[in-house]
Amino acid sequence: SSVYGLYSRWNVITKKAFSPAHAAFCFPTLSHANAVQAYRGAVDAFSTIPPGSPFKIALFSYWMLTLIVGTLVLFVLSA
């Protein structure tokens, strides 16, 4: 949703001076990445799922994608 918000408001954002409100588009994505990281820690600590299983690989890939996209959006907005 924050990536779509950035996309749909890009013309308006680029014409105005930077505001801390622009960075608010990144917060939900980065907060979600933090929650996924906590979930990964719980799965590692309390489950019997072996390392390298498809579930752990998918969870790691999703976490990295969310983290990278959120970080890139933050850099684009704050540049």
N, C-alpha and C. Protein backbone atom coordinates (compact mmCIF):
# COMPACT_ATOMS: atom_id res chain seq x y z
N SER A 1 0.81 -1.19 0.00
CA SER A 1 0.00 0.00 0.00
C SER A 1 0.86 1.27 0.00
N SER A 2 1.99 1.24 0.74
CA SER A 2 2.83 2.44 0.75
C SER A 2 3.52 2.63 -0.59
N VAL A 3 3.87 1.54 -1.26
CA VAL A 3 4.49 1.66 -2.59
C VAL A 3 3.46 2.20 -3.58
N TYR A 4 2.24 1.72 -3.51
CA TYR A 4 1.19 2.24 -4.39
C TYR A 4 0.90 3.71 -4.07
N GLY A 5 0.89 4.06 -2.78
CA GLY A 5 0.68 5.45 -2.39
C GLY A 5 1.75 6.36 -2.96
N LEU A 6 2.99 5.89 -2.94
CA LEU A 6 4.08 6.65 -3.53
C LEU A 6 3.87 6.79 -5.04
N TYR A 7 3.51 5.70 -5.68
CA TYR A 7 3.29 5.71 -7.13
C TYR A 7 2.16 6.66 -7.52
N SER A 8 1.06 6.58 -6.82
CA SER A 8 -0.11 7.39 -7.20
C SER A 8 0.06 8.87 -6.89
N ARG A 9 0.91 9.21 -5.93
CA ARG A 9 1.11 10.61 -5.56
C ARG A 9 2.45 11.17 -6.02
N TRP A 10 3.16 10.44 -6.86
CA TRP A 10 4.50 10.84 -7.26
C TRP A 10 4.55 12.24 -7.86
N ASN A 11 3.61 12.58 -8.74
CA ASN A 11 3.61 13.91 -9.37
C ASN A 11 3.45 15.02 -8.34
N VAL A 12 2.65 14.81 -7.33
CA VAL A 12 2.46 15.83 -6.29
C VAL A 12 3.69 15.91 -5.39
N ILE A 13 4.23 14.77 -5.02
CA ILE A 13 5.38 14.73 -4.11
C ILE A 13 6.59 15.40 -4.74
N THR A 14 6.83 15.17 -6.01
CA THR A 14 8.03 15.72 -6.64
C THR A 14 7.95 17.24 -6.84
N LYS A 15 6.76 17.81 -6.79
CA LYS A 15 6.61 19.25 -6.99
C LYS A 15 6.66 20.04 -5.69
N LYS A 16 6.58 19.36 -4.55
CA LYS A 16 6.60 20.04 -3.26
C LYS A 16 7.94 19.82 -2.56
N ALA A 17 8.24 20.72 -1.65
CA ALA A 17 9.45 20.56 -0.84
C ALA A 17 9.29 19.35 0.07
N PHE A 18 10.42 18.74 0.45
CA PHE A 18 10.36 17.55 1.30
C PHE A 18 9.70 17.87 2.63
N SER A 19 8.88 16.97 3.06
CA SER A 19 8.20 17.09 4.35
C SER A 19 8.32 15.77 5.08
N PRO A 20 8.43 15.77 6.40
CA PRO A 20 8.44 14.49 7.13
C PRO A 20 7.20 13.65 6.85
N ALA A 21 6.12 14.28 6.44
CA ALA A 21 4.92 13.51 6.10
C ALA A 21 5.15 12.60 4.90
N HIS A 22 6.07 12.98 4.00
CA HIS A 22 6.38 12.12 2.86
C HIS A 22 6.99 10.80 3.32
N ALA A 23 7.79 10.84 4.37
CA ALA A 23 8.41 9.62 4.87
C ALA A 23 7.40 8.68 5.50
N ALA A 24 6.22 9.18 5.82
CA ALA A 24 5.19 8.33 6.42
C ALA A 24 4.73 7.23 5.48
N PHE A 25 4.96 7.39 4.18
CA PHE A 25 4.61 6.33 3.24
C PHE A 25 5.43 5.07 3.50
N CYS A 26 6.63 5.22 4.05
CA CYS A 26 7.52 4.08 4.26
C CYS A 26 7.24 3.35 5.56
N PHE A 27 6.64 4.03 6.52
CA PHE A 27 6.50 3.44 7.85
C PHE A 27 5.74 2.12 7.86
N PRO A 28 4.58 1.99 7.20
CA PRO A 28 3.87 0.70 7.27
C PRO A 28 4.69 -0.45 6.70
N THR A 29 5.39 -0.23 5.63
CA THR A 29 6.18 -1.31 5.02
C THR A 29 7.33 -1.72 5.92
N LEU A 30 8.05 -0.75 6.47
CA LEU A 30 9.18 -1.08 7.33
C LEU A 30 8.72 -1.66 8.66
N SER A 31 7.59 -1.22 9.16
CA SER A 31 7.03 -1.80 10.38
C SER A 31 6.62 -3.26 10.15
N HIS A 32 6.06 -3.53 8.98
CA HIS A 32 5.70 -4.90 8.63
C HIS A 32 6.95 -5.78 8.52
N ALA A 33 8.01 -5.24 7.93
CA ALA A 33 9.27 -5.99 7.84
C ALA A 33 9.79 -6.34 9.23
N ASN A 34 9.66 -5.41 10.17
CA ASN A 34 10.08 -5.67 11.54
C ASN A 34 9.23 -6.78 12.17
N ALA A 35 7.94 -6.78 11.92
CA ALA A 35 7.06 -7.82 12.45
C ALA A 35 7.40 -9.19 11.84
N VAL A 36 7.69 -9.22 10.56
CA VAL A 36 8.07 -10.48 9.91
C VAL A 36 9.39 -11.00 10.50
N GLN A 37 10.31 -10.10 10.79
CA GLN A 37 11.58 -10.51 11.40
C GLN A 37 11.33 -11.12 12.77
N ALA A 38 10.43 -10.54 13.55
CA ALA A 38 10.09 -11.10 14.86
C ALA A 38 9.45 -12.48 14.70
N TYR A 39 8.59 -12.63 13.70
CA TYR A 39 7.97 -13.93 13.44
C TYR A 39 9.02 -14.97 13.06
N ARG A 40 9.99 -14.55 12.24
CA ARG A 40 11.07 -15.48 11.87
C ARG A 40 11.82 -15.94 13.12
N GLY A 41 12.07 -15.02 14.04
CA GLY A 41 12.75 -15.38 15.28
C GLY A 41 11.95 -16.37 16.10
N ALA A 42 10.63 -16.17 16.16
CA ALA A 42 9.78 -17.10 16.90
C ALA A 42 9.75 -18.46 16.23
N VAL A 43 9.69 -18.49 14.91
CA VAL A 43 9.69 -19.77 14.19
C VAL A 43 11.01 -20.50 14.45
N ASP A 44 12.12 -19.78 14.40
CA ASP A 44 13.42 -20.40 14.66
C ASP A 44 13.52 -20.93 16.09
N ALA A 45 12.97 -20.20 17.05
CA ALA A 45 13.11 -20.58 18.46
C ALA A 45 12.15 -21.68 18.89
N PHE A 46 10.93 -21.68 18.37
CA PHE A 46 9.92 -22.55 18.93
C PHE A 46 9.39 -23.64 18.01
N SER A 47 9.84 -23.69 16.77
CA SER A 47 9.31 -24.72 15.86
C SER A 47 10.36 -25.79 15.60
N THR A 48 9.90 -26.86 15.03
CA THR A 48 10.81 -27.94 14.66
C THR A 48 11.05 -27.96 13.15
N ILE A 49 10.71 -26.89 12.48
CA ILE A 49 10.92 -26.80 11.04
C ILE A 49 12.43 -26.71 10.79
N PRO A 50 12.97 -27.58 9.96
CA PRO A 50 14.42 -27.59 9.75
C PRO A 50 14.90 -26.40 8.91
N PRO A 51 16.13 -25.98 9.14
CA PRO A 51 16.70 -24.92 8.30
C PRO A 51 16.73 -25.37 6.83
N GLY A 52 16.49 -24.45 5.94
CA GLY A 52 16.51 -24.77 4.52
C GLY A 52 15.20 -25.33 3.99
N SER A 53 14.18 -25.41 4.85
CA SER A 53 12.88 -25.90 4.38
C SER A 53 12.23 -24.85 3.48
N PRO A 54 11.33 -25.26 2.60
CA PRO A 54 10.68 -24.30 1.70
C PRO A 54 9.98 -23.17 2.46
N PHE A 55 9.38 -23.49 3.59
CA PHE A 55 8.70 -22.45 4.37
C PHE A 55 9.68 -21.40 4.87
N LYS A 56 10.81 -21.83 5.42
CA LYS A 56 11.79 -20.86 5.94
C LYS A 56 12.44 -20.06 4.81
N ILE A 57 12.65 -20.68 3.69
CA ILE A 57 13.21 -19.95 2.54
C ILE A 57 12.20 -18.91 2.05
N ALA A 58 10.93 -19.28 1.95
CA ALA A 58 9.89 -18.34 1.52
C ALA A 58 9.74 -17.19 2.52
N LEU A 59 9.78 -17.51 3.80
CA LEU A 59 9.66 -16.49 4.83
C LEU A 59 10.84 -15.52 4.80
N PHE A 60 12.04 -16.05 4.61
CA PHE A 60 13.22 -15.20 4.51
C PHE A 60 13.15 -14.32 3.26
N SER A 61 12.73 -14.90 2.15
CA SER A 61 12.63 -14.14 0.90
C SER A 61 11.60 -13.02 1.02
N TYR A 62 10.47 -13.32 1.64
CA TYR A 62 9.44 -12.30 1.84
C TYR A 62 9.95 -11.18 2.73
N TRP A 63 10.64 -11.54 3.80
CA TRP A 63 11.20 -10.54 4.72
C TRP A 63 12.20 -9.64 4.00
N MET A 64 13.10 -10.24 3.22
CA MET A 64 14.10 -9.45 2.50
C MET A 64 13.43 -8.53 1.46
N LEU A 65 12.46 -9.04 0.74
CA LEU A 65 11.77 -8.22 -0.26
C LEU A 65 11.09 -7.03 0.41
N THR A 66 10.40 -7.27 1.51
CA THR A 66 9.71 -6.20 2.22
C THR A 66 10.71 -5.17 2.75
N LEU A 67 11.80 -5.64 3.30
CA LEU A 67 12.82 -4.75 3.85
C LEU A 67 13.47 -3.91 2.75
N ILE A 68 13.81 -4.53 1.64
CA ILE A 68 14.48 -3.81 0.54
C ILE A 68 13.53 -2.79 -0.09
N VAL A 69 12.29 -3.19 -0.35
CA VAL A 69 11.33 -2.26 -0.97
C VAL A 69 11.07 -1.08 -0.03
N GLY A 70 10.87 -1.33 1.24
CA GLY A 70 10.64 -0.25 2.19
C GLY A 70 11.82 0.69 2.29
N THR A 71 13.01 0.14 2.28
CA THR A 71 14.22 0.97 2.35
C THR A 71 14.38 1.80 1.08
N LEU A 72 14.15 1.20 -0.08
CA LEU A 72 14.26 1.95 -1.33
C LEU A 72 13.25 3.09 -1.41
N VAL A 73 12.02 2.83 -0.97
CA VAL A 73 11.02 3.89 -0.96
C VAL A 73 11.45 5.01 -0.01
N LEU A 74 12.01 4.66 1.13
CA LEU A 74 12.49 5.68 2.07
C LEU A 74 13.60 6.51 1.44
N PHE A 75 14.55 5.87 0.76
CA PHE A 75 15.61 6.62 0.10
C PHE A 75 15.10 7.52 -1.01
N VAL A 76 14.14 7.05 -1.77
CA VAL A 76 13.57 7.86 -2.85
C VAL A 76 12.87 9.09 -2.28
N LEU A 77 12.15 8.91 -1.21
CA LEU A 77 11.41 10.04 -0.63
C LEU A 77 12.32 11.03 0.09
N SER A 78 13.39 10.57 0.66
CA SER A 78 14.24 11.48 1.44
C SER A 78 15.38 12.06 0.63
N ALA A 79 15.51 11.67 -0.64
CA ALA A 79 16.60 12.19 -1.47
C ALA A 79 16.25 13.55 -2.04
